[in-house]
Amino acid sequence: MQRLPCHDEPGKFHFSARLLSTREEKGLYYTVLDRTWFYPESGGQPADRGMLNDTPVLDVQIQDDKIVHVTESPVGQGDDVWGVIDSARRIDHMQQHTGQHLLSALLLRDWGVPTVGFHISEEVTTIDLPRDAFTPREIEHLEEQANALIGEHHPVTSFWIDVEDLHRYKIRKEGKMEKEVRLVNIEGVDLSMCAGTHVDNTSELMLFKITGQEKIRGGQVRLSFLFGHRALRHFQRISLYMEEIRRALSLPEKECPDGVRRLLEEKAFWSREKKKTDSFLIELLSDRLAEENGYVAASLDWGDEAFLCTLGRRLLDKKMKVVALFHPALGFFCLLSDGSHPVRGWGEILLQRFGGKGGGNETLFRINNCPQDLDPELLLKEMMGR
């Protein structure tokens, strides 16, 4: 575990340094400074972003015990470097990481569930737990517990000890054993080995919200959650969405869930009715369009692409050989065959002629973006004339 300046000063976002080395590899530049407050990716926490002089820092990694800053261009001329860290990103990661410590400690203390995996992404933070999925009531209770701890204003501190003294401390989570290890303490809540950046007090976590869970391999559940500004933005978005729904339904907020359910039930009902109507129309139209010679060409303004293709298949069921159907409003044309006259080659010719999009095989070929004045009867005659 390597001591980093950002461990002692996580709120330092500007610094000066001296350039020690830069190397170029595959279009990227790898720069080492005599000192840096950038945090390198480690232990589930992403790397910082920011600037070195006027050059954006794309990534920060530890290589051969050195902190390496990755950029797309050289940092600049001369030895002096001015570093600026993306403070919003750093603070966000501090909130998510300290929040994860608090949540993992709570889950172990009150639920008997250890954390076996942890990751901070751009959108959410996740932990993996060896248990079944949480019930809605359990989720609600866990959120209440975590937010109560946030409101108790527990100080968060860190300190280094010799690894030989580790046995003197009751820690929740051990890490890589080196000569010196860093312990992060949420007073009265958690003590863990950790090399990440953290807030000074649980009050800085602001707010906690679980956003989802999913079952993963090994009989585990992955819990997704937000702390701090992420949680606040989540509630702001939800509030905006809820207001849009409320206005669209012209209902009080508390009645919106029932209103949405009614709409879904109505949609399902009318979807079933439409299928019945389409089936009736397909049977009626197939009777009217069927020709004694087995060749059918027609323009129809009813239904969608699927409707026309289903109608074409029904005509094939009635012993038609080739069917050409066109929907002018949609610009959709389909060719179907019982196999006696392959349609793929002709369909590809029409694709090039119309500049449309589509494809198919020897028994069904679909073309979109056709001209509205397309005459399916003329096309069918042209096809059969070949």
Protein backbone atom coordinates (compact mmCIF):
# COMPACT_ATOMS: atom_id res chain seq x y z
CA MET A 1 0.00 0.00 0.00
CA GLN A 2 1.65 3.20 -1.20
CA ARG A 3 1.44 6.50 0.64
CA LEU A 4 -0.01 9.24 -1.58
CA PRO A 5 -0.26 13.00 -1.01
CA CYS A 6 -4.00 12.82 -1.73
CA HIS A 7 -4.43 10.54 1.30
CA ASP A 8 -3.50 13.43 3.64
CA GLU A 9 -4.94 16.22 1.49
CA PRO A 10 -7.91 14.85 -0.50
CA GLY A 11 -9.27 18.38 -0.85
CA LYS A 12 -6.16 19.75 -2.59
CA PHE A 13 -7.02 20.26 -6.26
CA HIS A 14 -4.14 22.51 -7.49
CA PHE A 15 -0.42 21.87 -7.17
CA SER A 16 2.94 22.56 -8.76
CA ALA A 17 5.47 19.87 -9.58
CA ARG A 18 8.61 19.07 -11.55
CA LEU A 19 8.64 16.87 -14.61
CA LEU A 20 10.76 13.76 -14.09
CA SER A 21 10.09 11.72 -17.24
CA THR A 22 7.78 11.32 -20.23
CA ARG A 23 7.55 8.42 -22.64
CA GLU A 24 5.37 7.95 -25.72
CA GLU A 25 3.70 4.65 -26.53
CA LYS A 26 1.04 3.99 -29.18
CA GLY A 27 0.03 7.64 -29.40
CA LEU A 28 -0.24 8.19 -25.64
CA TYR A 29 2.18 9.95 -23.30
CA TYR A 30 3.07 8.62 -19.85
CA THR A 31 4.36 11.31 -17.48
CA VAL A 32 5.94 10.98 -14.04
CA LEU A 33 6.23 13.99 -11.72
CA ASP A 34 8.31 14.53 -8.60
CA ARG A 35 5.01 14.83 -6.68
CA THR A 36 1.33 14.65 -7.50
CA TRP A 37 -2.04 14.87 -5.78
CA PHE A 38 -3.77 12.88 -8.55
CA TYR A 39 -5.33 9.63 -7.33
CA PRO A 40 -4.40 6.55 -9.41
CA GLU A 41 -6.99 3.86 -10.10
CA SER A 42 -6.95 1.39 -7.23
CA GLY A 43 -9.17 -0.83 -5.09
CA GLY A 44 -12.40 -0.26 -7.01
CA GLN A 45 -12.02 3.55 -7.08
CA PRO A 46 -11.47 5.12 -10.53
CA ALA A 47 -8.56 7.43 -11.24
CA ASP A 48 -8.78 11.20 -11.06
CA ARG A 49 -9.08 13.38 -14.14
CA GLY A 50 -7.84 16.92 -14.65
CA MET A 51 -5.07 18.88 -16.37
CA LEU A 52 -1.29 19.04 -16.40
CA ASN A 53 -0.55 22.51 -17.72
CA ASP A 54 -2.93 22.71 -20.72
CA THR A 55 -3.03 18.97 -21.33
CA PRO A 56 -6.03 16.86 -20.22
CA VAL A 57 -5.20 13.86 -18.04
CA LEU A 58 -7.01 10.81 -19.41
CA ASP A 59 -5.94 8.29 -16.79
CA VAL A 60 -3.67 7.83 -13.77
CA GLN A 61 -2.07 4.49 -12.91
CA ILE A 62 0.60 3.06 -10.60
CA GLN A 63 3.40 1.44 -12.59
CA ASP A 64 6.58 0.16 -10.89
CA ASP A 65 5.58 2.05 -7.73
CA LYS A 66 5.40 5.31 -9.69
CA ILE A 67 2.27 7.37 -10.37
CA VAL A 68 1.94 7.71 -14.14
CA HIS A 69 -0.28 10.36 -15.77
CA VAL A 70 -1.64 9.39 -19.19
CA THR A 71 -2.25 12.11 -21.81
CA GLU A 72 -2.77 12.33 -25.57
CA SER A 73 -0.02 14.94 -26.02
CA PRO A 74 3.14 16.02 -24.19
CA VAL A 75 2.57 17.94 -20.97
CA GLY A 76 4.54 20.90 -22.28
CA GLN A 77 7.96 22.49 -22.51
CA GLY A 78 10.24 22.86 -19.49
CA ASP A 79 10.36 21.13 -16.15
CA ASP A 80 7.66 23.05 -14.26
CA VAL A 81 4.17 21.54 -14.27
CA TRP A 82 0.94 22.95 -12.90
CA GLY A 83 -1.63 20.32 -11.98
CA VAL A 84 -5.37 20.85 -11.69
CA ILE A 85 -7.60 18.00 -10.48
CA ASP A 86 -11.27 17.68 -11.47
CA SER A 87 -12.67 18.53 -8.03
CA ALA A 88 -16.26 17.47 -8.77
CA ARG A 89 -15.11 14.00 -9.84
CA ARG A 90 -12.78 13.65 -6.83
CA ILE A 91 -15.47 14.70 -4.34
CA ASP A 92 -17.95 12.35 -5.99
CA HIS A 93 -15.55 9.43 -5.62
CA MET A 94 -14.86 10.38 -2.00
CA GLN A 95 -18.60 10.34 -1.29
CA GLN A 96 -19.15 7.01 -3.04
CA HIS A 97 -16.12 5.32 -1.43
CA THR A 98 -16.80 6.49 2.13
CA GLY A 99 -20.45 5.66 1.59
CA GLN A 100 -19.53 2.13 0.55
CA HIS A 101 -17.54 1.70 3.78
CA LEU A 102 -20.53 2.87 5.80
CA LEU A 103 -22.96 0.63 3.91
CA SER A 104 -20.71 -2.45 4.06
CA ALA A 105 -20.18 -1.96 7.80
CA LEU A 106 -23.92 -1.63 8.34
CA LEU A 107 -24.68 -4.74 6.31
CA LEU A 108 -22.14 -6.77 8.26
CA ARG A 109 -23.11 -5.42 11.69
CA ASP A 110 -26.89 -5.55 11.44
CA TRP A 111 -27.53 -8.01 8.61
CA GLY A 112 -24.59 -10.40 8.95
CA VAL A 113 -23.70 -9.97 5.26
CA PRO A 114 -20.06 -9.34 4.21
CA THR A 115 -19.16 -7.38 1.10
CA VAL A 116 -17.30 -9.49 -1.46
CA GLY A 117 -17.06 -7.01 -4.37
CA PHE A 118 -17.04 -3.25 -4.90
CA HIS A 119 -16.92 -0.95 -7.93
CA ILE A 120 -17.48 2.75 -8.64
CA SER A 121 -18.66 3.49 -12.18
CA GLU A 122 -19.59 6.76 -13.85
CA GLU A 123 -23.28 6.29 -13.00
CA VAL A 124 -23.60 4.08 -9.92
CA THR A 125 -21.63 2.32 -7.23
CA THR A 126 -22.11 -1.40 -6.67
CA ILE A 127 -21.30 -3.98 -4.02
CA ASP A 128 -21.63 -7.75 -4.33
CA LEU A 129 -23.19 -9.63 -1.44
CA PRO A 130 -23.46 -13.40 -0.74
CA ARG A 131 -27.23 -13.49 -0.18
CA ASP A 132 -30.58 -13.56 -1.96
CA ALA A 133 -32.18 -10.40 -3.34
CA PHE A 134 -33.59 -7.88 -0.88
CA THR A 135 -37.33 -7.46 -0.51
CA PRO A 136 -38.81 -3.96 -1.05
CA ARG A 137 -39.31 -3.61 2.71
CA GLU A 138 -35.69 -4.64 3.38
CA ILE A 139 -34.47 -2.06 0.84
CA GLU A 140 -36.52 0.63 2.59
CA HIS A 141 -35.18 -0.38 6.01
CA LEU A 142 -31.56 -0.45 4.80
CA GLU A 143 -31.95 3.04 3.31
CA GLU A 144 -33.38 4.33 6.59
CA GLN A 145 -30.48 2.84 8.57
CA ALA A 146 -27.78 4.25 6.28
CA ASN A 147 -29.32 7.73 6.15
CA ALA A 148 -29.59 7.73 9.95
CA LEU A 149 -25.83 7.05 10.21
CA ILE A 150 -25.14 9.87 7.75
CA GLY A 151 -27.15 12.23 9.94
CA GLU A 152 -25.20 11.25 13.07
CA HIS A 153 -22.13 13.15 11.79
CA HIS A 154 -19.50 10.47 12.43
CA PRO A 155 -15.93 11.77 11.90
CA VAL A 156 -13.88 9.97 9.23
CA THR A 157 -10.12 9.73 9.74
CA SER A 158 -7.21 7.69 8.44
CA PHE A 159 -3.83 6.65 9.82
CA TRP A 160 -0.88 4.39 8.96
CA ILE A 161 0.39 1.51 11.05
CA ASP A 162 3.06 -1.14 10.80
CA VAL A 163 1.53 -4.34 9.47
CA GLU A 164 2.89 -6.18 12.52
CA ASP A 165 0.57 -4.06 14.69
CA LEU A 166 -2.53 -4.91 12.67
CA HIS A 167 -3.59 -7.61 15.14
CA ARG A 168 -4.26 -4.89 17.71
CA TYR A 169 -7.14 -3.51 15.68
CA LYS A 170 -10.57 -4.98 15.04
CA ILE A 171 -10.99 -4.27 11.37
CA ARG A 172 -13.88 -5.16 9.07
CA LYS A 173 -11.88 -5.53 5.86
CA GLU A 174 -8.26 -6.43 5.28
CA GLY A 175 -6.34 -5.56 2.13
CA LYS A 176 -2.94 -6.19 0.62
CA MET A 177 -0.44 -6.86 3.38
CA GLU A 178 2.65 -4.67 3.07
CA LYS A 179 5.06 -3.21 5.60
CA GLU A 180 2.74 -0.28 6.24
CA VAL A 181 -1.01 -0.30 5.90
CA ARG A 182 -3.54 2.51 5.99
CA LEU A 183 -6.68 2.25 8.11
CA VAL A 184 -9.78 4.35 7.46
CA ASN A 185 -11.97 4.87 10.50
CA ILE A 186 -15.60 5.96 10.52
CA GLU A 187 -15.85 6.64 14.22
CA GLY A 188 -18.15 4.16 15.92
CA VAL A 189 -19.12 2.56 12.62
CA ASP A 190 -16.23 1.03 10.66
CA LEU A 191 -12.50 0.42 10.57
CA SER A 192 -11.01 -0.94 7.35
CA MET A 193 -7.77 -1.13 5.41
CA CYS A 194 -8.11 1.20 2.42
CA ALA A 195 -5.98 3.23 0.01
CA GLY A 196 -8.83 5.39 -1.33
CA THR A 197 -9.84 9.00 -0.77
CA HIS A 198 -12.58 9.78 1.74
CA VAL A 199 -14.69 12.60 3.18
CA ASP A 200 -14.00 14.01 6.66
CA ASN A 201 -17.44 13.36 8.13
CA THR A 202 -20.44 11.17 7.27
CA SER A 203 -22.54 14.34 7.03
CA GLU A 204 -20.70 15.04 3.74
CA LEU A 205 -22.34 11.93 2.29
CA MET A 206 -25.60 13.93 2.32
CA LEU A 207 -27.99 11.25 1.14
CA PHE A 208 -28.18 7.54 0.32
CA LYS A 209 -30.42 5.77 -2.22
CA ILE A 210 -30.50 2.19 -3.51
CA THR A 211 -31.32 2.22 -7.22
CA GLY A 212 -31.43 -1.47 -8.06
CA GLN A 213 -30.25 -5.02 -7.54
CA GLU A 214 -29.50 -8.00 -9.77
CA LYS A 215 -28.66 -11.62 -9.20
CA ILE A 216 -25.16 -12.60 -10.28
CA ARG A 217 -23.28 -15.88 -10.45
CA GLY A 218 -22.43 -17.75 -7.29
CA GLY A 219 -25.78 -17.11 -5.62
CA GLN A 220 -24.90 -13.46 -4.97
CA VAL A 221 -26.75 -10.19 -5.40
CA ARG A 222 -25.26 -6.98 -6.79
CA LEU A 223 -26.65 -3.89 -5.09
CA SER A 224 -26.53 -0.55 -6.98
CA PHE A 225 -26.66 2.66 -4.98
CA LEU A 226 -25.85 6.37 -4.85
CA PHE A 227 -24.43 8.67 -2.18
CA GLY A 228 -24.07 12.43 -2.03
CA HIS A 229 -24.55 14.60 -5.10
CA ARG A 230 -25.33 11.51 -7.21
CA ALA A 231 -28.27 10.67 -4.93
CA LEU A 232 -29.47 14.27 -4.98
CA ARG A 233 -29.38 14.42 -8.79
CA HIS A 234 -31.23 11.09 -8.89
CA PHE A 235 -34.08 12.51 -6.79
CA GLN A 236 -34.14 15.69 -8.88
CA ARG A 237 -34.54 13.64 -12.08
CA ILE A 238 -37.22 11.46 -10.51
CA SER A 239 -39.08 14.58 -9.40
CA LEU A 240 -39.00 16.00 -12.94
CA TYR A 241 -40.18 12.70 -14.44
CA MET A 242 -42.96 12.47 -11.87
CA GLU A 243 -44.14 15.98 -12.66
CA GLU A 244 -44.27 15.18 -16.39
CA ILE A 245 -46.29 12.04 -15.69
CA ARG A 246 -48.63 13.92 -13.34
CA ARG A 247 -49.32 16.60 -15.95
CA ALA A 248 -49.81 14.06 -18.74
CA LEU A 249 -52.33 12.10 -16.66
CA SER A 250 -53.94 15.19 -15.06
CA LEU A 251 -53.84 13.38 -11.74
CA PRO A 252 -52.48 14.10 -8.26
CA GLU A 253 -49.05 12.55 -7.74
CA LYS A 254 -50.28 9.85 -5.36
CA GLU A 255 -52.84 8.66 -7.95
CA CYS A 256 -50.31 8.41 -10.80
CA PRO A 257 -49.31 4.75 -10.21
CA ASP A 258 -52.95 3.63 -10.54
CA GLY A 259 -53.36 5.92 -13.56
CA VAL A 260 -50.36 4.35 -15.30
CA ARG A 261 -51.63 0.85 -14.52
CA ARG A 262 -55.00 1.71 -16.05
CA LEU A 263 -53.30 3.01 -19.19
CA LEU A 264 -51.26 -0.19 -19.51
CA GLU A 265 -54.37 -2.31 -19.07
CA GLU A 266 -56.17 -0.27 -21.74
CA LYS A 267 -53.19 -0.55 -24.06
CA ALA A 268 -53.12 -4.34 -23.61
CA PHE A 269 -56.88 -4.52 -24.25
CA TRP A 270 -56.73 -2.49 -27.46
CA SER A 271 -53.65 -4.41 -28.59
CA ARG A 272 -55.66 -7.62 -28.34
CA GLU A 273 -58.56 -5.99 -30.17
CA LYS A 274 -56.23 -4.79 -32.93
CA LYS A 275 -54.90 -8.33 -33.40
CA LYS A 276 -58.46 -9.59 -33.80
CA THR A 277 -59.25 -6.83 -36.30
CA ASP A 278 -56.03 -7.43 -38.24
CA SER A 279 -56.75 -11.16 -38.42
CA PHE A 280 -60.25 -10.45 -39.75
CA LEU A 281 -58.94 -7.95 -42.33
CA ILE A 282 -56.13 -10.26 -43.45
CA GLU A 283 -58.62 -13.05 -44.08
CA LEU A 284 -60.98 -10.66 -45.90
CA LEU A 285 -58.24 -9.05 -48.03
CA SER A 286 -56.60 -12.36 -48.88
CA ASP A 287 -59.93 -13.60 -50.24
CA ARG A 288 -60.41 -10.44 -52.33
CA LEU A 289 -56.81 -10.17 -53.60
CA ALA A 290 -56.26 -13.82 -54.53
CA GLU A 291 -55.94 -14.29 -58.29
CA GLU A 292 -56.60 -17.41 -60.29
CA ASN A 293 -53.20 -17.17 -62.00
CA GLY A 294 -51.43 -17.07 -58.60
CA TYR A 295 -49.84 -13.61 -58.99
CA VAL A 296 -50.94 -10.74 -56.72
CA ALA A 297 -49.93 -7.05 -56.78
CA ALA A 298 -51.63 -4.40 -54.65
CA SER A 299 -51.21 -1.07 -52.85
CA LEU A 300 -52.68 -0.86 -49.35
CA ASP A 301 -52.92 2.01 -46.86
CA TRP A 302 -53.89 -0.17 -43.90
CA GLY A 303 -51.66 -1.57 -41.18
CA ASP A 304 -47.92 -1.57 -40.84
CA GLU A 305 -45.01 -3.52 -42.31
CA ALA A 306 -45.82 -6.62 -40.26
CA PHE A 307 -49.45 -6.48 -41.44
CA LEU A 308 -48.43 -6.50 -45.11
CA CYS A 309 -45.98 -9.38 -44.62
CA THR A 310 -48.60 -11.41 -42.73
CA LEU A 311 -51.13 -10.72 -45.49
CA GLY A 312 -48.58 -11.87 -48.07
CA ARG A 313 -47.98 -15.12 -46.17
CA ARG A 314 -51.72 -15.72 -45.97
CA LEU A 315 -51.95 -15.30 -49.74
CA LEU A 316 -49.19 -17.87 -50.15
CA ASP A 317 -51.23 -20.20 -47.94
CA LYS A 318 -54.00 -19.79 -50.50
CA LYS A 319 -51.74 -21.15 -53.25
CA MET A 320 -50.51 -17.82 -54.63
CA LYS A 321 -47.09 -18.03 -56.31
CA VAL A 322 -45.76 -14.46 -56.05
CA VAL A 323 -47.13 -11.54 -54.02
CA ALA A 324 -46.08 -7.88 -54.35
CA LEU A 325 -47.55 -5.51 -51.74
CA PHE A 326 -46.86 -1.80 -51.27
CA HIS A 327 -47.75 0.68 -48.51
CA PRO A 328 -47.44 4.20 -50.03
CA ALA A 329 -47.64 6.10 -46.73
CA LEU A 330 -44.81 4.03 -45.24
CA GLY A 331 -42.82 3.68 -48.46
CA PHE A 332 -42.70 -0.04 -47.73
CA PHE A 333 -42.64 -2.74 -50.42
CA CYS A 334 -42.50 -6.49 -49.89
CA LEU A 335 -42.11 -9.40 -52.29
CA LEU A 336 -43.12 -12.92 -51.30
CA SER A 337 -42.84 -16.21 -53.17
CA ASP A 338 -43.89 -19.80 -52.67
CA GLY A 339 -40.41 -20.75 -53.89
CA SER A 340 -41.27 -21.25 -57.53
CA HIS A 341 -39.97 -17.75 -58.35
CA PRO A 342 -37.05 -16.69 -56.09
CA VAL A 343 -37.38 -12.99 -55.16
CA ARG A 344 -34.01 -12.17 -53.62
CA GLY A 345 -32.21 -11.27 -56.84
CA TRP A 346 -35.05 -9.05 -58.02
CA GLY A 347 -35.31 -7.46 -54.59
CA GLU A 348 -31.64 -6.49 -54.64
CA ILE A 349 -32.12 -4.87 -58.06
CA LEU A 350 -34.99 -2.80 -56.67
CA LEU A 351 -32.90 -1.83 -53.63
CA GLN A 352 -30.30 -0.28 -55.91
CA ARG A 353 -32.95 1.32 -58.13
CA PHE A 354 -34.80 3.04 -55.27
CA GLY A 355 -31.80 3.68 -53.03
CA GLY A 356 -33.80 2.16 -50.22
CA LYS A 357 -32.92 -0.08 -47.29
CA GLY A 358 -33.90 -3.66 -46.73
CA GLY A 359 -33.08 -7.26 -47.43
CA GLY A 360 -34.40 -10.78 -47.31
CA ASN A 361 -34.18 -14.21 -48.83
CA GLU A 362 -35.61 -16.16 -51.78
CA THR A 363 -39.16 -16.24 -50.35
CA LEU A 364 -39.44 -12.83 -48.62
CA PHE A 365 -37.77 -9.55 -49.50
CA ARG A 366 -38.54 -6.24 -47.74
CA ILE A 367 -37.65 -2.74 -48.97
CA ASN A 368 -38.09 0.56 -47.08
CA ASN A 369 -37.87 4.16 -48.34
CA CYS A 370 -39.53 3.39 -51.68
CA PRO A 371 -41.01 6.22 -53.83
CA GLN A 372 -44.68 6.87 -53.11
CA ASP A 373 -45.63 6.54 -56.78
CA LEU A 374 -44.33 2.99 -56.96
CA ASP A 375 -46.66 0.71 -58.93
CA PRO A 376 -46.45 -2.88 -57.56
CA GLU A 377 -48.36 -4.28 -60.55
CA LEU A 378 -45.84 -2.88 -63.04
CA LEU A 379 -42.96 -4.14 -60.93
CA LEU A 380 -44.45 -7.61 -60.76
CA LYS A 381 -44.91 -7.68 -64.54
CA GLU A 382 -41.32 -6.50 -64.99
CA MET A 383 -40.11 -9.20 -62.64
CA MET A 384 -42.02 -11.95 -64.36
CA GLY A 385 -40.89 -10.65 -67.77
CA ARG A 386 -37.31 -11.34 -66.80
